[in-house]
Amino acid sequence: MPPDSTATKTRILDAALREFAQYGLAGARVDRIADTASANKRSIYVYFGNKAELFDLVVAKALEDMARVVPFTAADLPEYSARLFDYLRAHPEVLRLTTWAQLERPQPTPAEIDAYRPKVAAIADAQRDGVITSTIDPVNLLAFTISTATAWANASPALRSLANAADPQTLFDGHRAAIGVVERAIVSSAV
């Protein structure tokens, strides 16, 4: 009976997440992933294919993990956006990874598209039910919701330097509260 490869695969995926989040697809090195995972390079290719295939898999897995931990609720987009902000603050590597994916793999994978379809459909249903505004199409509304959650992380360092907060926690708390205010204004506009 061959040895169980589950632990090795898990170590490789964890190492690949860190490597790709740090260096992107172009800058990542399979030999560093192998070293970090205490695996050999050959096992990476056998289990996951080439570096680009591994990158796509890592991005898809990171998005799946995030969706599992931060369930989507179309009827309460302000709370979803705030929980997404919390998750990305706790897992900044996911935001870095998805930023690299947008820069280096601008064509979405079917898995990425499929991850958004049920969210867009749920927003459309909530709009039909009159729970949230129907003046903004569901795709744009989802984009605004996600953008609100990621706005602070994507803000320029110059803009962030102007925030008047005595400590980082106060700054994050203030931004999280602002997310709710902005999202409530968006979803309730002309319901």
N, C-alpha and C. Protein backbone atom coordinates (compact mmCIF):
# COMPACT_ATOMS: atom_id res chain seq x y z
N MET A 1 0.85 -1.18 0.00
CA MET A 1 0.00 0.00 0.00
C MET A 1 0.89 1.24 0.00
N PRO A 2 0.66 2.18 -0.96
CA PRO A 2 1.48 3.39 -1.00
C PRO A 2 1.18 4.29 0.19
N PRO A 3 2.15 5.12 0.57
CA PRO A 3 1.92 6.01 1.72
C PRO A 3 0.84 7.04 1.40
N ASP A 4 0.17 7.51 2.43
CA ASP A 4 -0.88 8.52 2.28
C ASP A 4 -0.23 9.86 1.95
N SER A 5 -0.66 10.46 0.85
CA SER A 5 -0.06 11.71 0.39
C SER A 5 -0.82 12.95 0.88
N THR A 6 -1.86 12.76 1.67
CA THR A 6 -2.69 13.88 2.10
C THR A 6 -1.89 14.93 2.85
N ALA A 7 -1.07 14.52 3.79
CA ALA A 7 -0.29 15.49 4.57
C ALA A 7 0.69 16.25 3.68
N THR A 8 1.31 15.55 2.75
CA THR A 8 2.25 16.21 1.83
C THR A 8 1.53 17.23 0.96
N LYS A 9 0.38 16.85 0.43
CA LYS A 9 -0.40 17.77 -0.40
C LYS A 9 -0.82 19.01 0.39
N THR A 10 -1.22 18.81 1.63
CA THR A 10 -1.62 19.93 2.47
C THR A 10 -0.44 20.86 2.72
N ARG A 11 0.72 20.30 3.03
CA ARG A 11 1.91 21.13 3.24
C ARG A 11 2.27 21.91 1.98
N ILE A 12 2.16 21.26 0.83
CA ILE A 12 2.48 21.93 -0.44
C ILE A 12 1.51 23.08 -0.68
N LEU A 13 0.22 22.85 -0.49
CA LEU A 13 -0.76 23.91 -0.72
C LEU A 13 -0.57 25.08 0.24
N ASP A 14 -0.26 24.78 1.50
CA ASP A 14 0.00 25.84 2.48
C ASP A 14 1.24 26.65 2.09
N ALA A 15 2.29 25.95 1.70
CA ALA A 15 3.53 26.62 1.29
C ALA A 15 3.31 27.43 0.01
N ALA A 16 2.53 26.88 -0.91
CA ALA A 16 2.25 27.57 -2.16
C ALA A 16 1.44 28.84 -1.91
N LEU A 17 0.50 28.79 -0.99
CA LEU A 17 -0.27 29.98 -0.65
C LEU A 17 0.65 31.09 -0.17
N ARG A 18 1.53 30.76 0.75
CA ARG A 18 2.46 31.77 1.28
C ARG A 18 3.38 32.29 0.17
N GLU A 19 3.91 31.39 -0.64
CA GLU A 19 4.84 31.78 -1.71
C GLU A 19 4.15 32.67 -2.75
N PHE A 20 2.99 32.26 -3.22
CA PHE A 20 2.28 33.04 -4.24
C PHE A 20 1.79 34.38 -3.68
N ALA A 21 1.35 34.39 -2.43
CA ALA A 21 0.90 35.66 -1.83
C ALA A 21 2.07 36.63 -1.71
N GLN A 22 3.24 36.11 -1.44
CA GLN A 22 4.43 36.96 -1.28
C GLN A 22 5.00 37.42 -2.61
N TYR A 23 5.09 36.52 -3.59
CA TYR A 23 5.83 36.80 -4.83
C TYR A 23 4.99 36.80 -6.10
N GLY A 24 3.73 36.40 -6.03
CA GLY A 24 2.92 36.29 -7.23
C GLY A 24 3.32 35.06 -8.03
N LEU A 25 2.66 34.89 -9.16
CA LEU A 25 2.95 33.73 -10.01
C LEU A 25 4.34 33.83 -10.62
N ALA A 26 4.67 34.97 -11.18
CA ALA A 26 5.96 35.12 -11.87
C ALA A 26 7.14 35.01 -10.92
N GLY A 27 7.00 35.57 -9.73
CA GLY A 27 8.13 35.59 -8.79
C GLY A 27 8.24 34.36 -7.91
N ALA A 28 7.20 33.58 -7.84
CA ALA A 28 7.22 32.39 -6.98
C ALA A 28 8.18 31.35 -7.56
N ARG A 29 8.76 30.58 -6.69
CA ARG A 29 9.69 29.53 -7.09
C ARG A 29 9.23 28.19 -6.54
N VAL A 30 9.14 27.22 -7.43
CA VAL A 30 8.70 25.89 -7.03
C VAL A 30 9.69 25.28 -6.04
N ASP A 31 10.98 25.57 -6.19
CA ASP A 31 11.95 25.01 -5.25
C ASP A 31 11.74 25.57 -3.84
N ARG A 32 11.34 26.84 -3.72
CA ARG A 32 11.06 27.39 -2.39
C ARG A 32 9.80 26.75 -1.81
N ILE A 33 8.79 26.54 -2.66
CA ILE A 33 7.57 25.87 -2.18
C ILE A 33 7.92 24.48 -1.66
N ALA A 34 8.72 23.75 -2.43
CA ALA A 34 9.13 22.39 -2.03
C ALA A 34 9.90 22.43 -0.72
N ASP A 35 10.86 23.35 -0.59
CA ASP A 35 11.64 23.45 0.65
C ASP A 35 10.74 23.76 1.84
N THR A 36 9.86 24.74 1.68
CA THR A 36 8.98 25.13 2.77
C THR A 36 8.05 23.98 3.17
N ALA A 37 7.61 23.22 2.18
CA ALA A 37 6.67 22.12 2.43
C ALA A 37 7.37 20.82 2.83
N SER A 38 8.69 20.85 2.88
CA SER A 38 9.46 19.62 3.13
C SER A 38 9.04 18.52 2.17
N ALA A 39 8.96 18.89 0.90
CA ALA A 39 8.57 17.96 -0.17
C ALA A 39 9.59 18.12 -1.30
N ASN A 40 9.53 17.22 -2.27
CA ASN A 40 10.40 17.40 -3.41
C ASN A 40 9.61 18.03 -4.56
N LYS A 41 10.33 18.70 -5.44
CA LYS A 41 9.68 19.40 -6.55
C LYS A 41 8.85 18.46 -7.41
N ARG A 42 9.35 17.27 -7.60
CA ARG A 42 8.64 16.30 -8.45
C ARG A 42 7.24 16.05 -7.91
N SER A 43 7.10 15.95 -6.59
CA SER A 43 5.78 15.68 -6.01
C SER A 43 4.81 16.84 -6.31
N ILE A 44 5.32 18.05 -6.36
CA ILE A 44 4.46 19.19 -6.69
C ILE A 44 3.89 19.03 -8.09
N TYR A 45 4.76 18.69 -9.03
CA TYR A 45 4.30 18.52 -10.42
C TYR A 45 3.37 17.31 -10.57
N VAL A 46 3.67 16.26 -9.84
CA VAL A 46 2.83 15.06 -9.92
C VAL A 46 1.43 15.34 -9.37
N TYR A 47 1.37 16.00 -8.21
CA TYR A 47 0.09 16.23 -7.55
C TYR A 47 -0.71 17.39 -8.16
N PHE A 48 0.00 18.43 -8.62
CA PHE A 48 -0.70 19.67 -8.96
C PHE A 48 -0.44 20.21 -10.36
N GLY A 49 0.43 19.60 -11.12
CA GLY A 49 0.72 20.11 -12.46
C GLY A 49 1.79 21.19 -12.43
N ASN A 50 1.77 22.05 -13.42
CA ASN A 50 2.81 23.10 -13.49
C ASN A 50 2.51 24.23 -12.51
N LYS A 51 3.40 25.19 -12.46
CA LYS A 51 3.29 26.29 -11.49
C LYS A 51 2.00 27.10 -11.69
N ALA A 52 1.64 27.36 -12.94
CA ALA A 52 0.42 28.13 -13.21
C ALA A 52 -0.82 27.37 -12.75
N GLU A 53 -0.84 26.06 -12.96
CA GLU A 53 -1.97 25.26 -12.50
C GLU A 53 -2.05 25.25 -10.97
N LEU A 54 -0.90 25.16 -10.33
CA LEU A 54 -0.86 25.21 -8.87
C LEU A 54 -1.36 26.57 -8.38
N PHE A 55 -0.94 27.64 -9.02
CA PHE A 55 -1.38 28.98 -8.66
C PHE A 55 -2.91 29.08 -8.74
N ASP A 56 -3.47 28.65 -9.88
CA ASP A 56 -4.93 28.70 -10.06
C ASP A 56 -5.65 27.89 -8.99
N LEU A 57 -5.10 26.74 -8.65
CA LEU A 57 -5.70 25.90 -7.62
C LEU A 57 -5.65 26.59 -6.26
N VAL A 58 -4.51 27.20 -5.95
CA VAL A 58 -4.35 27.89 -4.66
C VAL A 58 -5.32 29.06 -4.56
N VAL A 59 -5.47 29.82 -5.64
CA VAL A 59 -6.42 30.94 -5.64
C VAL A 59 -7.83 30.42 -5.42
N ALA A 60 -8.21 29.40 -6.17
CA ALA A 60 -9.56 28.83 -6.03
C ALA A 60 -9.80 28.32 -4.62
N LYS A 61 -8.82 27.63 -4.05
CA LYS A 61 -8.97 27.10 -2.69
C LYS A 61 -9.09 28.24 -1.67
N ALA A 62 -8.29 29.29 -1.84
CA ALA A 62 -8.37 30.42 -0.91
C ALA A 62 -9.75 31.07 -0.96
N LEU A 63 -10.31 31.20 -2.16
CA LEU A 63 -11.64 31.78 -2.31
C LEU A 63 -12.72 30.86 -1.72
N GLU A 64 -12.56 29.55 -1.93
CA GLU A 64 -13.51 28.58 -1.35
C GLU A 64 -13.46 28.63 0.18
N ASP A 65 -12.25 28.67 0.74
CA ASP A 65 -12.11 28.73 2.19
C ASP A 65 -12.76 30.00 2.74
N MET A 66 -12.53 31.12 2.05
CA MET A 66 -13.11 32.39 2.49
C MET A 66 -14.64 32.33 2.42
N ALA A 67 -15.17 31.77 1.35
CA ALA A 67 -16.62 31.66 1.20
C ALA A 67 -17.24 30.76 2.28
N ARG A 68 -16.50 29.75 2.69
CA ARG A 68 -17.00 28.85 3.73
C ARG A 68 -17.03 29.57 5.08
N VAL A 69 -16.00 30.36 5.37
CA VAL A 69 -15.90 31.04 6.66
C VAL A 69 -16.77 32.29 6.70
N VAL A 70 -16.92 32.95 5.56
CA VAL A 70 -17.72 34.18 5.48
C VAL A 70 -18.90 33.90 4.55
N PRO A 71 -19.94 33.27 5.06
CA PRO A 71 -21.08 32.95 4.20
C PRO A 71 -21.75 34.21 3.67
N PHE A 72 -22.20 34.11 2.45
CA PHE A 72 -22.81 35.25 1.78
C PHE A 72 -24.28 35.37 2.15
N THR A 73 -24.70 36.59 2.49
CA THR A 73 -26.09 36.87 2.81
C THR A 73 -26.52 38.10 2.03
N ALA A 74 -27.26 37.89 0.96
CA ALA A 74 -27.69 39.01 0.11
C ALA A 74 -28.62 39.96 0.86
N ALA A 75 -29.42 39.44 1.78
CA ALA A 75 -30.36 40.29 2.51
C ALA A 75 -29.66 41.20 3.51
N ASP A 76 -28.40 40.93 3.82
CA ASP A 76 -27.65 41.77 4.76
C ASP A 76 -26.25 42.03 4.22
N LEU A 77 -26.18 42.74 3.11
CA LEU A 77 -24.89 43.04 2.49
C LEU A 77 -23.98 43.88 3.40
N PRO A 78 -24.50 44.80 4.21
CA PRO A 78 -23.60 45.53 5.11
C PRO A 78 -22.85 44.60 6.07
N GLU A 79 -23.56 43.64 6.64
CA GLU A 79 -22.90 42.71 7.56
C GLU A 79 -21.94 41.79 6.82
N TYR A 80 -22.33 41.34 5.63
CA TYR A 80 -21.43 40.50 4.83
C TYR A 80 -20.14 41.26 4.52
N SER A 81 -20.27 42.50 4.11
CA SER A 81 -19.09 43.30 3.78
C SER A 81 -18.19 43.48 5.00
N ALA A 82 -18.78 43.72 6.16
CA ALA A 82 -18.00 43.88 7.39
C ALA A 82 -17.31 42.58 7.78
N ARG A 83 -18.01 41.45 7.64
CA ARG A 83 -17.38 40.16 7.96
C ARG A 83 -16.26 39.83 6.96
N LEU A 84 -16.45 40.21 5.71
CA LEU A 84 -15.40 40.03 4.71
C LEU A 84 -14.18 40.88 5.06
N PHE A 85 -14.40 42.11 5.49
CA PHE A 85 -13.32 42.98 5.95
C PHE A 85 -12.56 42.32 7.10
N ASP A 86 -13.30 41.78 8.07
CA ASP A 86 -12.68 41.11 9.21
C ASP A 86 -11.83 39.93 8.76
N TYR A 87 -12.37 39.13 7.85
CA TYR A 87 -11.64 37.95 7.38
C TYR A 87 -10.35 38.35 6.67
N LEU A 88 -10.45 39.32 5.79
CA LEU A 88 -9.26 39.74 5.03
C LEU A 88 -8.25 40.43 5.93
N ARG A 89 -8.71 41.07 6.97
CA ARG A 89 -7.77 41.66 7.93
C ARG A 89 -7.02 40.55 8.68
N ALA A 90 -7.74 39.47 9.00
CA ALA A 90 -7.11 38.34 9.69
C ALA A 90 -6.27 37.48 8.74
N HIS A 91 -6.59 37.54 7.44
CA HIS A 91 -5.90 36.73 6.43
C HIS A 91 -5.43 37.61 5.27
N PRO A 92 -4.49 38.51 5.52
CA PRO A 92 -4.07 39.44 4.46
C PRO A 92 -3.44 38.73 3.26
N GLU A 93 -2.97 37.52 3.46
CA GLU A 93 -2.38 36.78 2.34
C GLU A 93 -3.41 36.47 1.26
N VAL A 94 -4.68 36.37 1.64
CA VAL A 94 -5.73 36.09 0.66
C VAL A 94 -5.93 37.30 -0.25
N LEU A 95 -5.93 38.48 0.33
CA LEU A 95 -6.07 39.69 -0.47
C LEU A 95 -4.86 39.89 -1.38
N ARG A 96 -3.66 39.63 -0.85
CA ARG A 96 -2.45 39.73 -1.69
C ARG A 96 -2.52 38.71 -2.82
N LEU A 97 -2.94 37.50 -2.53
CA LEU A 97 -3.03 36.45 -3.53
C LEU A 97 -4.02 36.82 -4.64
N THR A 98 -5.18 37.31 -4.26
CA THR A 98 -6.17 37.67 -5.28
C THR A 98 -5.73 38.90 -6.07
N THR A 99 -4.97 39.77 -5.46
CA THR A 99 -4.42 40.92 -6.19
C THR A 99 -3.42 40.43 -7.24
N TRP A 100 -2.55 39.52 -6.84
CA TRP A 100 -1.61 38.92 -7.81
C TRP A 100 -2.37 38.24 -8.94
N ALA A 101 -3.44 37.55 -8.60
CA ALA A 101 -4.23 36.84 -9.62
C ALA A 101 -4.80 37.83 -10.63
N GLN A 102 -5.29 38.97 -10.15
CA GLN A 102 -5.83 39.98 -11.07
C GLN A 102 -4.74 40.55 -11.97
N LEU A 103 -3.55 40.71 -11.42
CA LEU A 103 -2.45 41.27 -12.20
C LEU A 103 -1.87 40.28 -13.20
N GLU A 104 -1.72 39.04 -12.77
CA GLU A 104 -0.99 38.06 -13.58
C GLU A 104 -1.87 37.07 -14.34
N ARG A 105 -3.09 36.93 -13.92
CA ARG A 105 -4.01 35.99 -14.58
C ARG A 105 -5.34 36.73 -14.81
N PRO A 106 -5.33 37.74 -15.68
CA PRO A 106 -6.53 38.58 -15.81
C PRO A 106 -7.75 37.84 -16.36
N GLN A 107 -7.54 36.70 -17.00
CA GLN A 107 -8.68 35.91 -17.47
C GLN A 107 -9.16 35.02 -16.32
N PRO A 108 -10.40 35.18 -15.91
CA PRO A 108 -10.89 34.39 -14.77
C PRO A 108 -11.00 32.91 -15.12
N THR A 109 -10.82 32.10 -14.11
CA THR A 109 -11.01 30.66 -14.29
C THR A 109 -12.50 30.36 -14.14
N PRO A 110 -12.96 29.25 -14.69
CA PRO A 110 -14.37 28.87 -14.50
C PRO A 110 -14.75 28.76 -13.03
N ALA A 111 -13.83 28.30 -12.19
CA ALA A 111 -14.13 28.18 -10.75
C ALA A 111 -14.37 29.55 -10.13
N GLU A 112 -13.59 30.54 -10.54
CA GLU A 112 -13.78 31.89 -10.00
C GLU A 112 -15.14 32.45 -10.43
N ILE A 113 -15.48 32.27 -11.68
CA ILE A 113 -16.77 32.76 -12.18
C ILE A 113 -17.91 32.05 -11.45
N ASP A 114 -17.78 30.74 -11.30
CA ASP A 114 -18.82 29.96 -10.62
C ASP A 114 -19.00 30.35 -9.16
N ALA A 115 -17.93 30.86 -8.54
CA ALA A 115 -18.03 31.29 -7.14
C ALA A 115 -18.92 32.53 -7.01
N TYR A 116 -18.95 33.35 -8.04
CA TYR A 116 -19.75 34.58 -7.99
C TYR A 116 -21.21 34.37 -8.43
N ARG A 117 -21.46 33.39 -9.28
CA ARG A 117 -22.82 33.21 -9.82
C ARG A 117 -23.91 33.12 -8.74
N PRO A 118 -23.76 32.29 -7.72
CA PRO A 118 -24.84 32.21 -6.72
C PRO A 118 -25.01 33.51 -5.92
N LYS A 119 -23.94 34.25 -5.74
CA LYS A 119 -24.05 35.52 -5.03
C LYS A 119 -24.86 36.53 -5.85
N VAL A 120 -24.55 36.60 -7.14
CA VAL A 120 -25.29 37.50 -8.02
C VAL A 120 -26.76 37.09 -8.07
N ALA A 121 -27.03 35.80 -8.16
CA ALA A 121 -28.41 35.31 -8.18
C ALA A 121 -29.13 35.64 -6.87
N ALA A 122 -28.43 35.50 -5.75
CA ALA A 122 -29.05 35.80 -4.44
C ALA A 122 -29.37 37.29 -4.33
N ILE A 123 -28.50 38.13 -4.85
CA ILE A 123 -28.78 39.57 -4.84
C ILE A 123 -30.01 39.86 -5.70
N ALA A 124 -30.08 39.25 -6.88
CA ALA A 124 -31.23 39.45 -7.76
C ALA A 124 -32.53 39.02 -7.07
N ASP A 125 -32.48 37.91 -6.35
CA ASP A 125 -33.65 37.44 -5.60
C ASP A 125 -34.04 38.44 -4.52
N ALA A 126 -33.06 38.94 -3.78
CA ALA A 126 -33.34 39.92 -2.71
C ALA A 126 -33.89 41.22 -3.30
N GLN A 127 -33.42 41.57 -4.48
CA GLN A 127 -33.98 42.75 -5.15
C GLN A 127 -35.43 42.52 -5.56
N ARG A 128 -35.70 41.36 -6.12
CA ARG A 128 -37.08 41.02 -6.52
C ARG A 128 -38.02 41.02 -5.31
N ASP A 129 -37.49 40.60 -4.15
CA ASP A 129 -38.29 40.55 -2.93
C ASP A 129 -38.41 41.93 -2.26
N GLY A 130 -37.73 42.94 -2.81
CA GLY A 130 -37.78 44.29 -2.25
C GLY A 130 -36.96 44.48 -1.00
N VAL A 131 -36.03 43.57 -0.72
CA VAL A 131 -35.21 43.65 0.49
C VAL A 131 -34.08 44.66 0.33
N ILE A 132 -33.52 44.72 -0.87
CA ILE A 132 -32.44 45.67 -1.17
C ILE A 132 -32.76 46.39 -2.47
N THR A 133 -32.04 47.45 -2.72
CA THR A 133 -32.31 48.28 -3.88
C THR A 133 -32.26 47.49 -5.19
N SER A 134 -33.15 47.86 -6.07
CA SER A 134 -33.13 47.26 -7.40
C SER A 134 -32.64 48.27 -8.43
N THR A 135 -32.17 49.42 -7.95
CA THR A 135 -31.69 50.46 -8.87
C THR A 135 -30.27 50.20 -9.33
N ILE A 136 -29.60 49.26 -8.71
CA ILE A 136 -28.22 48.90 -9.09
C ILE A 136 -28.26 47.44 -9.50
N ASP A 137 -27.70 47.12 -10.67
CA ASP A 137 -27.76 45.73 -11.10
C ASP A 137 -26.95 44.85 -10.15
N PRO A 138 -27.31 43.56 -10.04
CA PRO A 138 -26.70 42.67 -9.04
C PRO A 138 -25.18 42.56 -9.14
N VAL A 139 -24.63 42.54 -10.34
CA VAL A 139 -23.17 42.41 -10.48
C VAL A 139 -22.49 43.66 -9.91
N ASN A 140 -23.00 44.84 -10.26
CA ASN A 140 -22.41 46.07 -9.71
C ASN A 140 -22.58 46.14 -8.20
N LEU A 141 -23.72 45.73 -7.71
CA LEU A 141 -23.95 45.76 -6.27
C LEU A 141 -22.97 44.85 -5.53
N LEU A 142 -22.72 43.67 -6.08
CA LEU A 142 -21.73 42.78 -5.48
C LEU A 142 -20.33 43.39 -5.55
N ALA A 143 -20.01 44.00 -6.69
CA ALA A 143 -18.70 44.64 -6.83
C ALA A 143 -18.53 45.76 -5.80
N PHE A 144 -19.56 46.58 -5.59
CA PHE A 144 -19.49 47.65 -4.59
C PHE A 144 -19.33 47.07 -3.19
N THR A 145 -20.03 46.00 -2.92
CA THR A 145 -19.96 45.37 -1.59
C THR A 145 -18.55 44.86 -1.31
N ILE A 146 -17.98 44.17 -2.27
CA ILE A 146 -16.62 43.65 -2.10
C ILE A 146 -15.62 44.81 -2.04
N SER A 147 -15.82 45.81 -2.88
CA SER A 147 -14.91 46.97 -2.89
C SER A 147 -14.95 47.72 -1.57
N THR A 148 -16.12 47.81 -0.98
CA THR A 148 -16.23 48.47 0.32
C THR A 148 -15.41 47.71 1.37
N ALA A 149 -15.48 46.39 1.32
CA ALA A 149 -14.73 45.57 2.28
C ALA A 149 -13.22 45.68 2.08
N THR A 150 -12.79 45.89 0.86
CA THR A 150 -11.35 45.91 0.56
C THR A 150 -10.80 47.32 0.38
N ALA A 151 -11.64 48.34 0.52
CA ALA A 151 -11.22 49.71 0.25
C ALA A 151 -10.03 50.13 1.09
N TRP A 152 -10.06 49.82 2.38
CA TRP A 152 -8.98 50.27 3.24
C TRP A 152 -7.66 49.58 2.89
N ALA A 153 -7.71 48.31 2.61
CA ALA A 153 -6.50 47.57 2.24
C ALA A 153 -5.93 48.07 0.92
N ASN A 154 -6.81 48.52 0.02
CA ASN A 154 -6.37 48.99 -1.29
C ASN A 154 -6.10 50.49 -1.35
N ALA A 155 -6.38 51.19 -0.26
CA ALA A 155 -6.13 52.63 -0.23
C ALA A 155 -4.62 52.89 -0.25
N SER A 156 -4.24 53.99 -0.83
CA SER A 156 -2.81 54.31 -0.90
C SER A 156 -2.27 54.59 0.50
N PRO A 157 -1.00 54.29 0.72
CA PRO A 157 -0.40 54.60 2.02
C PRO A 157 -0.51 56.09 2.36
N ALA A 158 -0.46 56.96 1.36
CA ALA A 158 -0.59 58.40 1.61
C ALA A 158 -1.96 58.72 2.19
N LEU A 159 -3.00 58.14 1.62
CA LEU A 159 -4.34 58.37 2.14
C LEU A 159 -4.49 57.78 3.54
N ARG A 160 -3.99 56.58 3.73
CA ARG A 160 -4.09 55.95 5.05
C ARG A 160 -3.36 56.77 6.11
N SER A 161 -2.28 57.45 5.72
CA SER A 161 -1.52 58.24 6.69
C SER A 161 -2.32 59.41 7.23
N LEU A 162 -3.36 59.82 6.51
CA LEU A 162 -4.19 60.95 6.95
C LEU A 162 -5.25 60.55 7.97
N ALA A 163 -5.43 59.26 8.18
CA ALA A 163 -6.43 58.80 9.15
C ALA A 163 -6.01 59.23 10.54
N ASN A 164 -6.93 59.80 11.25
CA ASN A 164 -6.64 60.29 12.60
C ASN A 164 -7.03 59.24 13.62
N ALA A 165 -6.13 58.34 13.93
CA ALA A 165 -6.42 57.31 14.93
C ALA A 165 -5.19 57.13 15.81
N ALA A 166 -5.46 57.03 17.08
CA ALA A 166 -4.37 56.89 18.04
C ALA A 166 -3.68 55.54 17.93
N ASP A 167 -4.43 54.53 17.57
CA ASP A 167 -3.85 53.20 17.46
C ASP A 167 -4.53 52.45 16.31
N PRO A 168 -3.88 51.39 15.81
CA PRO A 168 -4.44 50.65 14.67
C PRO A 168 -5.82 50.06 14.92
N GLN A 169 -6.08 49.59 16.14
CA GLN A 169 -7.39 49.00 16.43
C GLN A 169 -8.50 50.03 16.28
N THR A 170 -8.27 51.23 16.76
CA THR A 170 -9.25 52.31 16.61
C THR A 170 -9.49 52.62 15.15
N LEU A 171 -8.41 52.61 14.38
CA LEU A 171 -8.50 52.85 12.94
C LEU A 171 -9.35 51.79 12.26
N PHE A 172 -9.08 50.51 12.56
CA PHE A 172 -9.84 49.42 11.96
C PHE A 172 -11.29 49.42 12.41
N ASP A 173 -11.51 49.70 13.69
CA ASP A 173 -12.89 49.76 14.19
C ASP A 173 -13.68 50.86 13.47
N GLY A 174 -13.05 52.00 13.28
CA GLY A 174 -13.70 53.10 12.58
C GLY A 174 -14.00 52.75 11.13
N HIS A 175 -13.06 52.07 10.50
CA HIS A 175 -13.29 51.68 9.11
C HIS A 175 -14.40 50.63 9.02
N ARG A 176 -14.39 49.70 9.93
CA ARG A 176 -15.44 48.66 9.92
C ARG A 176 -16.82 49.29 10.10
N ALA A 177 -16.93 50.26 11.00
CA ALA A 177 -18.21 50.96 11.20
C ALA A 177 -18.61 51.71 9.93
N ALA A 178 -17.64 52.32 9.27
CA ALA A 178 -17.93 53.06 8.03
C ALA A 178 -18.42 52.12 6.93
N ILE A 179 -17.92 50.91 6.92
CA ILE A 179 -18.37 49.92 5.93
C ILE A 179 -19.88 49.73 6.06
N GLY A 180 -20.35 49.57 7.28
CA GLY A 180 -21.77 49.37 7.50
C GLY A 180 -22.59 50.57 7.05
N VAL A 181 -22.12 51.77 7.35
CA VAL A 181 -22.84 52.99 6.96
C VAL A 181 -22.92 53.09 5.44
N VAL A 182 -21.81 52.89 4.77
CA VAL A 182 -21.77 52.99 3.31
C VAL A 182 -22.64 51.93 2.67
N GLU A 183 -22.50 50.69 3.11
CA GLU A 183 -23.28 49.61 2.53
C GLU A 183 -24.78 49.79 2.77
N ARG A 184 -25.15 50.23 3.98
CA ARG A 184 -26.58 50.46 4.24
C ARG A 184 -27.13 51.54 3.31
N ALA A 185 -26.34 52.57 3.06
CA ALA A 185 -26.76 53.64 2.15
C ALA A 185 -26.92 53.10 0.73
N ILE A 186 -26.00 52.24 0.32
CA ILE A 186 -26.07 51.68 -1.04
C ILE A 186 -27.28 50.78 -1.20
N VAL A 187 -27.46 49.83 -0.29
CA VAL A 187 -28.52 48.84 -0.47
C VAL A 187 -29.91 49.38 -0.19
N SER A 188 -30.01 50.50 0.52
CA SER A 188 -31.33 51.03 0.80
C SER A 188 -31.73 52.15 -0.15
N SER A 189 -30.82 52.57 -1.01
CA SER A 189 -31.14 53.67 -1.92
C SER A 189 -32.25 53.27 -2.88
N ALA A 190 -33.32 53.97 -2.77
CA ALA A 190 -34.46 53.77 -3.67
C ALA A 190 -34.90 52.33 -3.78
N VAL A 191 -35.08 51.66 -2.63
CA VAL A 191 -35.53 50.26 -2.64
C VAL A 191 -36.83 50.15 -3.26
